[in-house]
Amino acid sequence: MITYGIRIRAWILTFMLLTGFFTVSVVAQNNSTVTIPESRFYPALHGYNTIFTDSFAVLPSFEATPFITLGEYKQFLETRAAKGSGKDSLMPDRSIASTEAYEKYMHRKKYESYPVVGVSWQNALEYCAWRTKMENPDSGIVFIYRLPYKSEWEQMALYADSALKKFEINRHYAEWIMASFDESALSLLGNLNNAYTFEYLYLAGKSDPQVLKRMCIYGKSFLSGDKHKMYGYSDRGYRDVGFRMVKEYVNVPGRKPSPVVLNDKIMQLYGVKH
């Protein structure tokens, strides 16, 4: 696996130990999206040990954004603050850096083109819901933004790895995935007629034990090095974990909705009632 990104700018801004965040240089990025073509997903190649090697599911084409930037996330915070709806609870986790470094990161203009880090899984999904409401027509929900599924992340990584594609690699950050982490999940059987059935998602409540709040994190980061991060807790942010969005159109003729669209609890965030 690799952590990928969209084509980056030619210039590189140094953001090192001086700030307390990173041990390597990181890069700013543009905000263009990319369309990942329809492809085959082979579960057995990605750890699903109960499925035949040559079995596959067809993953429909989808649109993906690069990592959400700090500037984009700050727009979300400002909008929520203007409505008096809990800006403080949506802030990047302050534990990701010293107080001085955190203030520099949040308030210096030059960092707004960097991927936002320290955002919890829960708040990343809140951002997705906000962008969905902002960009859909007044007549109703045509599409939603959400975090990528595991199968989608794998296909994006393969797409990024192709020498024929103008799809740059970003090796500095891991990212949140729209899936819960469970050691036994890879042993679950799935229906190969629909790749989404390989996705395990549990929405933990506040009173649930922490073990049920583990959400998948995919990709390597400047902290994990050659090892892929595995999970984080949904209510915490991490200094080497960002997030990006997948754009999913709803009510597409001939296509079964994904688990997110069918989940009443999640769709309430988007203002949709079934």
C-alpha atoms as a PDB file:
ATOM      1  CA  MET A   1       0.000   0.000   0.000  1.00  0.00           C
ATOM      2  CA  ILE A   2       0.995   3.591  -0.514  1.00  0.00           C
ATOM      3  CA  THR A   3      -0.463   6.846   0.598  1.00  0.00           C
ATOM      4  CA  TYR A   4      -1.217   8.828  -2.477  1.00  0.00           C
ATOM      5  CA  GLY A   5      -2.099  12.408  -3.298  1.00  0.00           C
ATOM      6  CA  ILE A   6      -3.136  14.507  -6.249  1.00  0.00           C
ATOM      7  CA  ARG A   7      -0.459  16.299  -8.354  1.00  0.00           C
ATOM      8  CA  ILE A   8       1.354  18.675  -6.066  1.00  0.00           C
ATOM      9  CA  ARG A   9       2.691  22.150  -6.664  1.00  0.00           C
ATOM     10  CA  ALA A  10       6.255  22.471  -7.835  1.00  0.00           C
ATOM     11  CA  TRP A  11       7.257  24.420  -4.786  1.00  0.00           C
ATOM     12  CA  ILE A  12       7.900  22.805  -1.392  1.00  0.00           C
ATOM     13  CA  LEU A  13       7.487  24.529   1.944  1.00  0.00           C
ATOM     14  CA  THR A  14       9.647  23.377   4.808  1.00  0.00           C
ATOM     15  CA  PHE A  15       7.688  22.593   7.970  1.00  0.00           C
ATOM     16  CA  MET A  16      10.083  20.797  10.296  1.00  0.00           C
ATOM     17  CA  LEU A  17      10.883  20.255  13.931  1.00  0.00           C
ATOM     18  CA  LEU A  18      10.847  24.010  14.473  1.00  0.00           C
ATOM     19  CA  THR A  19       7.044  23.764  14.578  1.00  0.00           C
ATOM     20  CA  GLY A  20       6.950  20.554  16.561  1.00  0.00           C
ATOM     21  CA  PHE A  21       4.811  18.753  13.951  1.00  0.00           C
ATOM     22  CA  PHE A  22       6.994  16.977  11.443  1.00  0.00           C
ATOM     23  CA  THR A  23      10.428  15.427  11.091  1.00  0.00           C
ATOM     24  CA  VAL A  24      10.504  15.812   7.314  1.00  0.00           C
ATOM     25  CA  SER A  25       9.617  18.425   4.745  1.00  0.00           C
ATOM     26  CA  VAL A  26       5.998  18.321   3.614  1.00  0.00           C
ATOM     27  CA  VAL A  27       4.342  19.615   0.500  1.00  0.00           C
ATOM     28  CA  ALA A  28       1.410  21.848  -0.267  1.00  0.00           C
ATOM     29  CA  GLN A  29      -1.147  20.622  -2.780  1.00  0.00           C
ATOM     30  CA  ASN A  30      -3.842  21.873  -5.094  1.00  0.00           C
ATOM     31  CA  ASN A  31      -7.510  21.047  -4.597  1.00  0.00           C
ATOM     32  CA  SER A  32      -8.362  19.303  -7.857  1.00  0.00           C
ATOM     33  CA  THR A  33     -10.333  16.069  -7.877  1.00  0.00           C
ATOM     34  CA  VAL A  34      -9.721  12.907  -9.862  1.00  0.00           C
ATOM     35  CA  THR A  35     -12.052  10.307 -11.322  1.00  0.00           C
ATOM     36  CA  ILE A  36     -11.006   6.732 -10.604  1.00  0.00           C
ATOM     37  CA  PRO A  37     -12.239   4.480 -13.433  1.00  0.00           C
ATOM     38  CA  GLU A  38     -14.341   1.371 -12.908  1.00  0.00           C
ATOM     39  CA  SER A  39     -12.090  -1.471 -11.867  1.00  0.00           C
ATOM     40  CA  ARG A  40     -11.930  -4.964 -10.418  1.00  0.00           C
ATOM     41  CA  PHE A  41     -11.294  -5.435  -6.716  1.00  0.00           C
ATOM     42  CA  TYR A  42      -9.704  -8.752  -5.719  1.00  0.00           C
ATOM     43  CA  PRO A  43     -10.395  -9.260  -1.990  1.00  0.00           C
ATOM     44  CA  ALA A  44      -7.954 -12.156  -1.626  1.00  0.00           C
ATOM     45  CA  LEU A  45      -5.100  -9.839  -2.596  1.00  0.00           C
ATOM     46  CA  HIS A  46      -5.967  -7.540   0.312  1.00  0.00           C
ATOM     47  CA  GLY A  47      -6.148  -9.966   3.217  1.00  0.00           C
ATOM     48  CA  TYR A  48      -9.596 -11.544   2.852  1.00  0.00           C
ATOM     49  CA  ASN A  49      -8.497 -15.111   3.505  1.00  0.00           C
ATOM     50  CA  THR A  50     -11.858 -16.828   3.042  1.00  0.00           C
ATOM     51  CA  ILE A  51     -12.326 -15.768  -0.591  1.00  0.00           C
ATOM     52  CA  PHE A  52     -10.895 -17.486  -3.657  1.00  0.00           C
ATOM     53  CA  THR A  53      -7.854 -15.781  -5.198  1.00  0.00           C
ATOM     54  CA  ASP A  54      -9.452 -15.228  -8.608  1.00  0.00           C
ATOM     55  CA  SER A  55     -12.751 -13.915  -7.220  1.00  0.00           C
ATOM     56  CA  PHE A  56     -13.399 -10.233  -7.752  1.00  0.00           C
ATOM     57  CA  ALA A  57     -16.021  -7.532  -7.436  1.00  0.00           C
ATOM     58  CA  VAL A  58     -16.547  -4.678  -9.866  1.00  0.00           C
ATOM     59  CA  LEU A  59     -15.933  -1.325  -8.179  1.00  0.00           C
ATOM     60  CA  PRO A  60     -17.861   1.465  -9.976  1.00  0.00           C
ATOM     61  CA  SER A  61     -16.068   4.602 -11.115  1.00  0.00           C
ATOM     62  CA  PHE A  62     -15.929   7.312  -8.446  1.00  0.00           C
ATOM     63  CA  GLU A  63     -14.571  10.783  -7.781  1.00  0.00           C
ATOM     64  CA  ALA A  64     -12.013  11.491  -5.066  1.00  0.00           C
ATOM     65  CA  THR A  65     -10.533  14.661  -3.633  1.00  0.00           C
ATOM     66  CA  PRO A  66      -6.972  15.178  -2.454  1.00  0.00           C
ATOM     67  CA  PHE A  67      -6.361  15.583   1.271  1.00  0.00           C
ATOM     68  CA  ILE A  68      -8.591  18.295   2.726  1.00  0.00           C
ATOM     69  CA  THR A  69      -6.410  21.299   3.479  1.00  0.00           C
ATOM     70  CA  LEU A  70      -6.208  23.318   6.660  1.00  0.00           C
ATOM     71  CA  GLY A  71      -7.670  26.275   4.767  1.00  0.00           C
ATOM     72  CA  GLU A  72     -10.691  24.259   3.697  1.00  0.00           C
ATOM     73  CA  TYR A  73     -11.218  22.934   7.189  1.00  0.00           C
ATOM     74  CA  LYS A  74     -10.976  26.431   8.688  1.00  0.00           C
ATOM     75  CA  GLN A  75     -13.829  27.547   6.416  1.00  0.00           C
ATOM     76  CA  PHE A  76     -15.908  24.773   7.966  1.00  0.00           C
ATOM     77  CA  LEU A  77     -14.945  25.899  11.486  1.00  0.00           C
ATOM     78  CA  GLU A  78     -15.802  29.509  10.723  1.00  0.00           C
ATOM     79  CA  THR A  79     -19.192  28.575   9.299  1.00  0.00           C
ATOM     80  CA  ARG A  80     -20.062  26.465  12.319  1.00  0.00           C
ATOM     81  CA  ALA A  81     -18.846  29.185  14.684  1.00  0.00           C
ATOM     82  CA  ALA A  82     -21.054  31.740  12.936  1.00  0.00           C
ATOM     83  CA  LYS A  83     -24.033  29.497  13.621  1.00  0.00           C
ATOM     84  CA  GLY A  84     -22.972  29.006  17.238  1.00  0.00           C
ATOM     85  CA  SER A  85     -22.700  25.244  16.826  1.00  0.00           C
ATOM     86  CA  GLY A  86     -19.662  23.975  18.677  1.00  0.00           C
ATOM     87  CA  LYS A  87     -16.548  25.164  16.875  1.00  0.00           C
ATOM     88  CA  ASP A  88     -14.303  24.146  19.789  1.00  0.00           C
ATOM     89  CA  SER A  89     -15.351  20.501  19.649  1.00  0.00           C
ATOM     90  CA  LEU A  90     -14.477  20.395  15.934  1.00  0.00           C
ATOM     91  CA  MET A  91     -10.973  21.823  16.240  1.00  0.00           C
ATOM     92  CA  PRO A  92      -7.930  19.704  15.378  1.00  0.00           C
ATOM     93  CA  ASP A  93      -6.768  17.843  18.471  1.00  0.00           C
ATOM     94  CA  ARG A  94      -4.472  20.076  20.550  1.00  0.00           C
ATOM     95  CA  SER A  95      -2.424  17.087  21.649  1.00  0.00           C
ATOM     96  CA  ILE A  96      -0.763  16.899  18.216  1.00  0.00           C
ATOM     97  CA  ALA A  97       1.770  19.607  19.104  1.00  0.00           C
ATOM     98  CA  SER A  98       2.990  22.013  21.740  1.00  0.00           C
ATOM     99  CA  THR A  99       0.809  25.034  22.405  1.00  0.00           C
ATOM    100  CA  GLU A 100       3.176  27.334  20.506  1.00  0.00           C
ATOM    101  CA  ALA A 101       3.413  25.009  17.492  1.00  0.00           C
ATOM    102  CA  TYR A 102      -0.341  24.490  17.437  1.00  0.00           C
ATOM    103  CA  GLU A 103      -1.006  28.235  17.368  1.00  0.00           C
ATOM    104  CA  LYS A 104       1.463  28.690  14.505  1.00  0.00           C
ATOM    105  CA  TYR A 105      -0.177  25.897  12.552  1.00  0.00           C
ATOM    106  CA  MET A 106      -3.695  27.252  13.032  1.00  0.00           C
ATOM    107  CA  HIS A 107      -2.998  30.934  12.433  1.00  0.00           C
ATOM    108  CA  ARG A 108      -0.206  31.301   9.886  1.00  0.00           C
ATOM    109  CA  LYS A 109      -1.529  31.756   6.357  1.00  0.00           C
ATOM    110  CA  LYS A 110       1.209  29.699   4.700  1.00  0.00           C
ATOM    111  CA  TYR A 111      -0.005  26.476   6.315  1.00  0.00           C
ATOM    112  CA  GLU A 112      -3.517  26.708   4.868  1.00  0.00           C
ATOM    113  CA  SER A 113      -2.505  24.813   1.706  1.00  0.00           C
ATOM    114  CA  TYR A 114      -1.195  21.891   3.768  1.00  0.00           C
ATOM    115  CA  PRO A 115      -3.416  18.885   4.537  1.00  0.00           C
ATOM    116  CA  VAL A 116      -5.239  19.383   7.802  1.00  0.00           C
ATOM    117  CA  VAL A 117      -4.075  16.962  10.494  1.00  0.00           C
ATOM    118  CA  GLY A 118      -5.307  16.220  14.007  1.00  0.00           C
ATOM    119  CA  VAL A 119      -8.967  15.929  12.946  1.00  0.00           C
ATOM    120  CA  SER A 120     -10.845  13.020  14.506  1.00  0.00           C
ATOM    121  CA  TRP A 121     -12.758  10.484  12.397  1.00  0.00           C
ATOM    122  CA  GLN A 122     -16.023  11.843  13.785  1.00  0.00           C
ATOM    123  CA  ASN A 123     -15.162  15.421  12.860  1.00  0.00           C
ATOM    124  CA  ALA A 124     -13.901  14.392   9.422  1.00  0.00           C
ATOM    125  CA  LEU A 125     -17.331  12.886   8.762  1.00  0.00           C
ATOM    126  CA  GLU A 126     -18.958  16.093  10.062  1.00  0.00           C
ATOM    127  CA  TYR A 127     -16.900  18.008   7.499  1.00  0.00           C
ATOM    128  CA  CYS A 128     -18.068  15.648   4.752  1.00  0.00           C
ATOM    129  CA  ALA A 129     -21.690  16.292   5.734  1.00  0.00           C
ATOM    130  CA  TRP A 130     -21.109  20.060   5.739  1.00  0.00           C
ATOM    131  CA  ARG A 131     -19.558  20.014   2.261  1.00  0.00           C
ATOM    132  CA  THR A 132     -22.448  17.869   1.051  1.00  0.00           C
ATOM    133  CA  LYS A 133     -24.999  20.414   2.235  1.00  0.00           C
ATOM    134  CA  MET A 134     -22.969  23.338   0.867  1.00  0.00           C
ATOM    135  CA  GLU A 135     -22.579  21.963  -2.648  1.00  0.00           C
ATOM    136  CA  ASN A 136     -25.896  20.237  -3.317  1.00  0.00           C
ATOM    137  CA  PRO A 137     -28.764  22.119  -4.980  1.00  0.00           C
ATOM    138  CA  ASP A 138     -31.595  23.495  -2.873  1.00  0.00           C
ATOM    139  CA  SER A 139     -33.929  20.944  -4.435  1.00  0.00           C
ATOM    140  CA  GLY A 140     -32.342  18.080  -2.512  1.00  0.00           C
ATOM    141  CA  ILE A 141     -29.376  15.738  -2.071  1.00  0.00           C
ATOM    142  CA  VAL A 142     -27.918  14.583  -5.397  1.00  0.00           C
ATOM    143  CA  PHE A 143     -24.614  13.345  -3.967  1.00  0.00           C
ATOM    144  CA  ILE A 144     -22.848  12.976  -0.663  1.00  0.00           C
ATOM    145  CA  TYR A 145     -19.227  13.347   0.356  1.00  0.00           C
ATOM    146  CA  ARG A 146     -17.822  10.688   2.650  1.00  0.00           C
ATOM    147  CA  LEU A 147     -14.525   9.074   3.608  1.00  0.00           C
ATOM    148  CA  PRO A 148     -13.173   6.396   1.218  1.00  0.00           C
ATOM    149  CA  TYR A 149     -13.966   2.751   1.706  1.00  0.00           C
ATOM    150  CA  LYS A 150     -11.057   0.321   2.019  1.00  0.00           C
ATOM    151  CA  SER A 151     -11.679  -1.080  -1.453  1.00  0.00           C
ATOM    152  CA  GLU A 152     -11.756   2.446  -2.917  1.00  0.00           C
ATOM    153  CA  TRP A 153      -8.512   3.367  -1.189  1.00  0.00           C
ATOM    154  CA  GLU A 154      -6.845   0.299  -2.672  1.00  0.00           C
ATOM    155  CA  GLN A 155      -8.026   1.229  -6.163  1.00  0.00           C
ATOM    156  CA  MET A 156      -6.848   4.822  -5.743  1.00  0.00           C
ATOM    157  CA  ALA A 157      -3.463   3.588  -4.617  1.00  0.00           C
ATOM    158  CA  LEU A 158      -3.184   1.384  -7.705  1.00  0.00           C
ATOM    159  CA  TYR A 159      -4.235   4.297  -9.878  1.00  0.00           C
ATOM    160  CA  ALA A 160      -1.634   6.531  -8.275  1.00  0.00           C
ATOM    161  CA  ASP A 161       1.039   3.902  -8.795  1.00  0.00           C
ATOM    162  CA  SER A 162       0.528   3.769 -12.540  1.00  0.00           C
ATOM    163  CA  ALA A 163       3.281   5.516 -14.494  1.00  0.00           C
ATOM    164  CA  LEU A 164       0.687   6.413 -17.119  1.00  0.00           C
ATOM    165  CA  LYS A 165      -1.409   8.542 -14.781  1.00  0.00           C
ATOM    166  CA  LYS A 166      -0.814  12.138 -13.764  1.00  0.00           C
ATOM    167  CA  PHE A 167      -1.518  11.309 -10.155  1.00  0.00           C
ATOM    168  CA  GLU A 168       1.173  12.335  -7.710  1.00  0.00           C
ATOM    169  CA  ILE A 169       2.183  10.401  -4.612  1.00  0.00           C
ATOM    170  CA  ASN A 170       2.148  11.985  -1.157  1.00  0.00           C
ATOM    171  CA  ARG A 171       4.058   9.823   1.316  1.00  0.00           C
ATOM    172  CA  HIS A 172       3.771  12.013   4.393  1.00  0.00           C
ATOM    173  CA  TYR A 173       0.312  11.290   5.757  1.00  0.00           C
ATOM    174  CA  ALA A 174      -1.878   8.327   6.571  1.00  0.00           C
ATOM    175  CA  GLU A 175      -5.637   8.858   6.330  1.00  0.00           C
ATOM    176  CA  TRP A 176      -8.992   7.981   7.810  1.00  0.00           C
ATOM    177  CA  ILE A 177     -11.069   5.284   6.109  1.00  0.00           C
ATOM    178  CA  MET A 178     -14.838   4.724   6.191  1.00  0.00           C
ATOM    179  CA  ALA A 179     -14.479   1.456   8.084  1.00  0.00           C
ATOM    180  CA  SER A 180     -14.239   0.188  11.620  1.00  0.00           C
ATOM    181  CA  PHE A 181     -11.187  -1.777  12.666  1.00  0.00           C
ATOM    182  CA  ASP A 182     -11.689  -5.359  13.829  1.00  0.00           C
ATOM    183  CA  GLU A 183      -9.071  -8.095  13.836  1.00  0.00           C
ATOM    184  CA  SER A 184     -11.586 -10.621  12.499  1.00  0.00           C
ATOM    185  CA  ALA A 185     -13.011  -8.428   9.726  1.00  0.00           C
ATOM    186  CA  LEU A 186     -10.778  -9.941   7.036  1.00  0.00           C
ATOM    187  CA  SER A 187     -12.241 -13.369   7.738  1.00  0.00           C
ATOM    188  CA  LEU A 188     -15.798 -12.274   6.968  1.00  0.00           C
ATOM    189  CA  LEU A 189     -17.438 -13.605   3.835  1.00  0.00           C
ATOM    190  CA  GLY A 190     -18.702 -11.076   1.331  1.00  0.00           C
ATOM    191  CA  ASN A 191     -21.064 -11.008  -1.629  1.00  0.00           C
ATOM    192  CA  LEU A 192     -18.863 -10.575  -4.700  1.00  0.00           C
ATOM    193  CA  ASN A 193     -21.702  -8.942  -6.591  1.00  0.00           C
ATOM    194  CA  ASN A 194     -21.141  -5.800  -4.558  1.00  0.00           C
ATOM    195  CA  ALA A 195     -17.722  -4.645  -3.354  1.00  0.00           C
ATOM    196  CA  TYR A 196     -19.284  -2.559  -0.580  1.00  0.00           C
ATOM    197  CA  THR A 197     -20.158  -5.689   1.370  1.00  0.00           C
ATOM    198  CA  PHE A 198     -16.471  -5.978   2.269  1.00  0.00           C
ATOM    199  CA  GLU A 199     -16.744  -2.848   4.371  1.00  0.00           C
ATOM    200  CA  TYR A 200     -17.365  -3.240   8.103  1.00  0.00           C
ATOM    201  CA  LEU A 201     -18.696  -0.095   9.788  1.00  0.00           C
ATOM    202  CA  TYR A 202     -19.838   0.355  13.389  1.00  0.00           C
ATOM    203  CA  LEU A 203     -20.822   3.743  14.775  1.00  0.00           C
ATOM    204  CA  ALA A 204     -19.842   3.744  18.421  1.00  0.00           C
ATOM    205  CA  GLY A 205     -21.726   5.792  20.976  1.00  0.00           C
ATOM    206  CA  LYS A 206     -20.079   7.916  23.656  1.00  0.00           C
ATOM    207  CA  SER A 207     -20.656   5.271  26.309  1.00  0.00           C
ATOM    208  CA  ASP A 208     -19.196   2.440  24.216  1.00  0.00           C
ATOM    209  CA  PRO A 209     -15.783   1.088  25.258  1.00  0.00           C
ATOM    210  CA  GLN A 210     -12.802   2.470  23.370  1.00  0.00           C
ATOM    211  CA  VAL A 211     -12.188  -0.829  21.611  1.00  0.00           C
ATOM    212  CA  LEU A 212     -15.409  -0.265  19.664  1.00  0.00           C
ATOM    213  CA  LYS A 213     -14.238   3.204  18.577  1.00  0.00           C
ATOM    214  CA  ARG A 214     -11.330   1.921  16.501  1.00  0.00           C
ATOM    215  CA  MET A 215     -11.516   3.166  12.910  1.00  0.00           C
ATOM    216  CA  CYS A 216      -9.236   2.112  10.079  1.00  0.00           C
ATOM    217  CA  ILE A 217      -6.282   4.267   9.057  1.00  0.00           C
ATOM    218  CA  TYR A 218      -4.593   3.435   5.753  1.00  0.00           C
ATOM    219  CA  GLY A 219      -1.198   4.390   4.441  1.00  0.00           C
ATOM    220  CA  LYS A 220       2.227   5.248   5.776  1.00  0.00           C
ATOM    221  CA  SER A 221       3.207   8.532   7.379  1.00  0.00           C
ATOM    222  CA  PHE A 222       6.252  10.427   8.551  1.00  0.00           C
ATOM    223  CA  LEU A 223       5.751   8.774  11.959  1.00  0.00           C
ATOM    224  CA  SER A 224       5.002   5.217  10.879  1.00  0.00           C
ATOM    225  CA  GLY A 225       7.807   5.098   8.297  1.00  0.00           C
ATOM    226  CA  ASP A 226       7.757   1.822   6.374  1.00  0.00           C
ATOM    227  CA  LYS A 227       4.892   0.427   8.435  1.00  0.00           C
ATOM    228  CA  HIS A 228       1.266   1.149   7.669  1.00  0.00           C
ATOM    229  CA  LYS A 229      -0.846   2.594  10.435  1.00  0.00           C
ATOM    230  CA  MET A 230      -3.743   0.295  11.326  1.00  0.00           C
ATOM    231  CA  TYR A 231      -6.320   2.218  13.341  1.00  0.00           C
ATOM    232  CA  GLY A 232      -7.101   5.215  15.498  1.00  0.00           C
ATOM    233  CA  TYR A 233      -9.939   6.067  17.865  1.00  0.00           C
ATOM    234  CA  SER A 234     -12.886   7.854  16.282  1.00  0.00           C
ATOM    235  CA  ASP A 235     -12.922  10.633  18.879  1.00  0.00           C
ATOM    236  CA  ARG A 236      -9.197  11.495  18.643  1.00  0.00           C
ATOM    237  CA  GLY A 237      -7.016  13.321  16.169  1.00  0.00           C
ATOM    238  CA  TYR A 238      -3.463  12.371  15.180  1.00  0.00           C
ATOM    239  CA  ARG A 239      -0.656  14.581  13.958  1.00  0.00           C
ATOM    240  CA  ASP A 240       0.209  12.358  10.980  1.00  0.00           C
ATOM    241  CA  VAL A 241      -3.333  11.515   9.854  1.00  0.00           C
ATOM    242  CA  GLY A 242      -5.379  13.562   7.397  1.00  0.00           C
ATOM    243  CA  PHE A 243      -8.479  12.776   5.385  1.00  0.00           C
ATOM    244  CA  ARG A 244      -9.914  13.052   1.909  1.00  0.00           C
ATOM    245  CA  MET A 245     -13.403  12.582   0.486  1.00  0.00           C
ATOM    246  CA  VAL A 246     -15.160  10.395  -2.047  1.00  0.00           C
ATOM    247  CA  LYS A 247     -18.140  11.823  -3.901  1.00  0.00           C
ATOM    248  CA  GLU A 248     -21.005   9.329  -4.071  1.00  0.00           C
ATOM    249  CA  TYR A 249     -24.117  10.020  -6.151  1.00  0.00           C
ATOM    250  CA  VAL A 250     -27.335   8.774  -4.592  1.00  0.00           C
ATOM    251  CA  ASN A 251     -30.246   7.033  -6.289  1.00  0.00           C
ATOM    252  CA  VAL A 252     -28.239   6.007  -9.351  1.00  0.00           C
ATOM    253  CA  PRO A 253     -30.391   3.720 -11.538  1.00  0.00           C
ATOM    254  CA  GLY A 254     -29.068   0.172 -11.589  1.00  0.00           C
ATOM    255  CA  ARG A 255     -26.596   0.717  -8.754  1.00  0.00           C
ATOM    256  CA  LYS A 256     -27.144  -0.476  -5.204  1.00  0.00           C
ATOM    257  CA  PRO A 257     -26.564   2.295  -2.641  1.00  0.00           C
ATOM    258  CA  SER A 258     -23.539   1.907  -0.394  1.00  0.00           C
ATOM    259  CA  PRO A 259     -23.834   1.234   3.362  1.00  0.00           C
ATOM    260  CA  VAL A 260     -23.514   4.915   4.211  1.00  0.00           C
ATOM    261  CA  VAL A 261     -26.544   5.907   2.142  1.00  0.00           C
ATOM    262  CA  LEU A 262     -28.531   3.086   3.727  1.00  0.00           C
ATOM    263  CA  ASN A 263     -27.507   4.007   7.284  1.00  0.00           C
ATOM    264  CA  ASP A 264     -30.166   6.222   8.890  1.00  0.00           C
ATOM    265  CA  LYS A 265     -27.878   7.352  11.714  1.00  0.00           C
ATOM    266  CA  ILE A 266     -25.170   8.572   9.339  1.00  0.00           C
ATOM    267  CA  MET A 267     -27.561  10.109   6.826  1.00  0.00           C
ATOM    268  CA  GLN A 268     -29.086  12.249   9.571  1.00  0.00           C
ATOM    269  CA  LEU A 269     -25.785  14.166   9.494  1.00  0.00           C
ATOM    270  CA  TYR A 270     -26.555  14.991   5.866  1.00  0.00           C
ATOM    271  CA  GLY A 271     -30.076  16.116   6.651  1.00  0.00           C
ATOM    272  CA  VAL A 272     -31.654  13.080   4.966  1.00  0.00           C
ATOM    273  CA  LYS A 273     -34.502  11.140   6.555  1.00  0.00           C
ATOM    274  CA  HIS A 274     -35.509   7.779   5.113  1.00  0.00           C
END
